[in-house]
Amino acid sequence: MLASLLPLDADAATRFVESFPAGVARDEALRRFAQLLAARDPVRAERWASSFSDEAERASALGNVCSQIALTDAGEGVRKFERHQLGETSGVLLENLVQQWAGQDYAAAAAWTLARPAGQQREQMCGRLAIVLAATEPENAARLVLEEIPAGMIQTEAVMSVLYQWGSRDREGASAWVALFPSGSLKERAENELLQLARQR
């Protein structure tokens, strides 16, 4: 119904979706309307989403607007996300947007991410960059996760993501990389991952 009403009367569609009482149905209606409006008129969608007095609804609506915009321009989606300071409530969404951006324009996404302040969010975003980069340049993805992500759980998971993609296509190259790891739990886990990939062939 929203998809049919919006092109005919955007104001009526807005009133209709905002009339839903609090609950699951309202949450779903707001999510769908944010996507539809952002696809049709991103400026109006951003203005509408920003108007909510309820902070949770505002953040959710803006997040959905950013996600819709990111389908065609993830860099713009990230910039709007940052403009509205959604990072504290939607960190995973930002990571998803950065991964989309890297798929559309890796150089721009990497430059933006690497300029972020050090911390867990930057590390998670570097891991998302590595996932994208590993599809075409696994050696550079490997360098990224070792140089830009400190040792720890986030680095380990990023290493495994790169290793899976690399080892699936070039087991010798991936094995040579793992051979350079210092002895320890990361090397053991990486070697086990390579064994699992070998068994799948």
Protein backbone atom coordinates (compact mmCIF):
# COMPACT_ATOMS: atom_id res chain seq x y z
CA MET A 1 0.00 0.00 0.00
CA LEU A 2 2.82 2.41 0.85
CA ALA A 3 4.48 1.75 -2.50
CA SER A 4 1.24 2.65 -4.28
CA LEU A 5 0.35 5.67 -2.15
CA LEU A 6 3.74 7.38 -2.07
CA PRO A 7 3.92 8.36 -5.78
CA LEU A 8 0.33 9.68 -5.62
CA ASP A 9 0.52 11.71 -2.40
CA ALA A 10 3.73 11.75 -0.40
CA ASP A 11 2.19 13.81 2.40
CA ALA A 12 -0.69 11.36 2.81
CA ALA A 13 1.75 8.44 2.79
CA THR A 14 3.80 10.14 5.49
CA ARG A 15 0.74 10.75 7.68
CA PHE A 16 -0.42 7.19 7.18
CA VAL A 17 2.86 5.57 8.19
CA GLU A 18 3.25 7.87 11.20
CA SER A 19 -0.26 6.96 12.40
CA PHE A 20 0.77 3.40 13.26
CA PRO A 21 0.77 2.72 17.02
CA ALA A 22 4.04 1.72 18.69
CA GLY A 23 5.00 -1.88 18.05
CA VAL A 24 6.36 -4.27 15.46
CA ALA A 25 3.94 -3.13 12.73
CA ARG A 26 5.01 0.51 13.16
CA ASP A 27 8.69 -0.40 13.13
CA GLU A 28 8.25 -2.35 9.89
CA ALA A 29 6.14 0.39 8.29
CA LEU A 30 8.71 3.06 9.15
CA ARG A 31 11.53 0.88 7.82
CA ARG A 32 9.76 0.24 4.53
CA PHE A 33 8.69 3.86 4.13
CA ALA A 34 12.23 5.11 4.78
CA GLN A 35 13.52 2.84 2.01
CA LEU A 36 10.80 3.79 -0.46
CA LEU A 37 11.12 7.51 0.19
CA ALA A 38 14.93 7.46 0.05
CA ALA A 39 14.82 5.67 -3.30
CA ARG A 40 12.42 8.30 -4.64
CA ASP A 41 13.57 11.50 -2.91
CA PRO A 42 16.66 11.09 -0.69
CA VAL A 43 16.67 14.75 0.44
CA ARG A 44 13.08 14.54 1.64
CA ALA A 45 13.74 11.14 3.21
CA GLU A 46 16.66 12.49 5.21
CA ARG A 47 14.61 15.47 6.37
CA TRP A 48 11.70 13.21 7.36
CA ALA A 49 13.89 10.74 9.23
CA SER A 50 15.60 13.58 11.09
CA SER A 51 12.27 14.91 12.35
CA PHE A 52 11.49 12.14 14.85
CA SER A 53 11.57 13.24 18.47
CA ASP A 54 12.05 9.65 19.65
CA GLU A 55 15.80 9.05 19.42
CA ALA A 56 15.50 5.33 18.67
CA GLU A 57 13.03 5.91 15.84
CA ARG A 58 15.15 8.74 14.48
CA ALA A 59 18.30 6.59 14.43
CA SER A 60 16.45 3.67 12.86
CA ALA A 61 14.82 5.79 10.17
CA LEU A 62 18.07 7.55 9.32
CA GLY A 63 19.91 4.24 9.23
CA ASN A 64 17.38 2.87 6.74
CA VAL A 65 17.68 6.00 4.62
CA CYS A 66 21.48 5.67 4.60
CA SER A 67 21.22 1.99 3.66
CA GLN A 68 18.93 2.74 0.73
CA ILE A 69 21.16 5.55 -0.55
CA ALA A 70 24.17 3.23 -0.25
CA LEU A 71 22.71 0.84 -2.80
CA THR A 72 23.73 3.30 -5.50
CA ASP A 73 26.22 5.56 -3.67
CA ALA A 74 27.63 3.98 -0.53
CA GLY A 75 30.07 6.85 -0.03
CA GLU A 76 27.13 9.25 0.28
CA GLY A 77 25.41 6.80 2.62
CA VAL A 78 28.47 6.81 4.87
CA ARG A 79 28.71 10.60 4.80
CA LYS A 80 25.06 10.96 5.82
CA PHE A 81 25.57 8.36 8.53
CA GLU A 82 28.49 10.36 9.89
CA ARG A 83 26.65 13.69 9.58
CA HIS A 84 23.86 12.42 11.82
CA GLN A 85 26.29 10.88 14.34
CA LEU A 86 24.72 7.42 14.21
CA GLY A 87 27.91 5.58 15.09
CA GLU A 88 27.10 5.07 18.75
CA THR A 89 23.83 3.27 18.00
CA SER A 90 24.51 1.64 14.63
CA GLY A 91 28.15 0.60 14.48
CA VAL A 92 27.43 -2.59 12.54
CA LEU A 93 25.45 -0.62 9.97
CA LEU A 94 28.43 1.65 9.39
CA GLU A 95 30.66 -1.38 8.84
CA ASN A 96 28.16 -2.72 6.30
CA LEU A 97 28.07 0.63 4.51
CA VAL A 98 31.87 0.78 4.36
CA GLN A 99 31.97 -2.73 2.90
CA GLN A 100 29.43 -1.69 0.25
CA TRP A 101 31.46 1.42 -0.47
CA ALA A 102 34.63 -0.64 -0.87
CA GLY A 103 32.82 -2.76 -3.43
CA GLN A 104 31.86 0.37 -5.39
CA ASP A 105 35.03 2.45 -4.91
CA TYR A 106 37.71 0.70 -2.88
CA ALA A 107 40.24 3.55 -2.96
CA ALA A 108 37.78 6.10 -1.58
CA ALA A 109 36.45 3.76 1.09
CA ALA A 110 39.97 2.80 2.19
CA ALA A 111 41.14 6.42 2.36
CA TRP A 112 38.14 7.38 4.51
CA THR A 113 38.50 4.37 6.80
CA LEU A 114 42.24 4.66 7.33
CA ALA A 115 41.79 8.31 8.30
CA ARG A 116 39.47 7.33 11.18
CA PRO A 117 40.75 7.51 14.77
CA ALA A 118 42.32 4.31 16.10
CA GLY A 119 39.90 2.07 17.92
CA GLN A 120 37.61 -0.94 17.61
CA GLN A 121 35.32 0.59 15.00
CA ARG A 122 38.21 1.44 12.70
CA GLU A 123 39.57 -2.09 13.15
CA GLN A 124 36.19 -3.61 12.24
CA MET A 125 35.96 -1.42 9.15
CA CYS A 126 39.48 -2.42 8.09
CA GLY A 127 38.33 -6.01 8.35
CA ARG A 128 35.44 -5.23 5.99
CA LEU A 129 37.85 -3.58 3.54
CA ALA A 130 39.98 -6.70 3.63
CA ILE A 131 37.02 -8.93 2.77
CA VAL A 132 36.41 -6.90 -0.40
CA LEU A 133 40.08 -6.57 -1.32
CA ALA A 134 40.78 -10.28 -0.82
CA ALA A 135 38.52 -11.14 -3.73
CA THR A 136 41.00 -9.62 -6.20
CA GLU A 137 44.19 -8.77 -4.29
CA PRO A 138 44.65 -11.24 -1.42
CA GLU A 139 48.28 -10.26 -0.82
CA ASN A 140 47.28 -6.63 -0.25
CA ALA A 141 44.34 -7.71 1.90
CA ALA A 142 46.74 -9.79 4.00
CA ARG A 143 49.04 -6.80 4.40
CA LEU A 144 46.09 -4.61 5.41
CA VAL A 145 44.89 -6.84 8.24
CA LEU A 146 48.38 -7.29 9.66
CA GLU A 147 49.42 -3.64 9.40
CA GLU A 148 46.19 -1.84 10.25
CA ILE A 149 44.52 -4.12 12.81
CA PRO A 150 46.27 -4.79 16.13
CA ALA A 151 46.69 -8.37 17.31
CA GLY A 152 43.51 -9.68 18.90
CA MET A 153 40.12 -11.14 18.08
CA ILE A 154 39.26 -8.63 15.34
CA GLN A 155 42.56 -9.22 13.57
CA THR A 156 42.18 -12.98 13.88
CA GLU A 157 38.74 -12.96 12.29
CA ALA A 158 39.97 -10.66 9.52
CA VAL A 159 42.93 -12.97 8.85
CA MET A 160 40.55 -15.94 8.60
CA SER A 161 38.31 -14.08 6.14
CA VAL A 162 41.26 -13.25 3.91
CA LEU A 163 42.72 -16.72 4.24
CA TYR A 164 39.46 -18.39 3.26
CA GLN A 165 39.19 -16.40 0.04
CA TRP A 166 42.89 -16.70 -0.78
CA GLY A 167 43.14 -20.38 0.06
CA SER A 168 40.04 -21.21 -1.97
CA ARG A 169 41.73 -19.93 -5.13
CA ASP A 170 45.45 -20.19 -4.46
CA ARG A 171 46.30 -22.62 -1.69
CA GLU A 172 50.03 -22.40 -2.31
CA GLY A 173 50.07 -18.63 -2.00
CA ALA A 174 47.92 -18.73 1.13
CA SER A 175 50.12 -21.45 2.64
CA ALA A 176 53.23 -19.38 1.99
CA TRP A 177 51.61 -16.47 3.84
CA VAL A 178 50.65 -18.63 6.83
CA ALA A 179 54.19 -20.05 6.97
CA LEU A 180 55.40 -16.54 7.84
CA PHE A 181 53.20 -16.34 10.94
CA PRO A 182 54.98 -16.64 14.30
CA SER A 183 54.20 -19.79 16.26
CA GLY A 184 51.04 -19.49 18.30
CA SER A 185 47.27 -19.80 18.25
CA LEU A 186 46.77 -17.67 15.14
CA LYS A 187 49.14 -19.81 13.07
CA GLU A 188 47.54 -23.01 14.35
CA ARG A 189 44.06 -21.79 13.47
CA ALA A 190 45.23 -20.65 10.03
CA GLU A 191 46.86 -24.02 9.34
CA ASN A 192 43.65 -25.78 10.36
CA GLU A 193 41.69 -23.54 8.01
CA LEU A 194 43.97 -24.52 5.14
CA LEU A 195 43.51 -28.20 5.99
CA GLN A 196 39.75 -27.76 5.92
CA LEU A 197 39.94 -26.05 2.54
CA ALA A 198 42.11 -28.88 1.19
CA ARG A 199 39.56 -31.47 2.33
CA GLN A 200 36.75 -29.63 0.55
CA ARG A 201 38.46 -30.10 -2.81
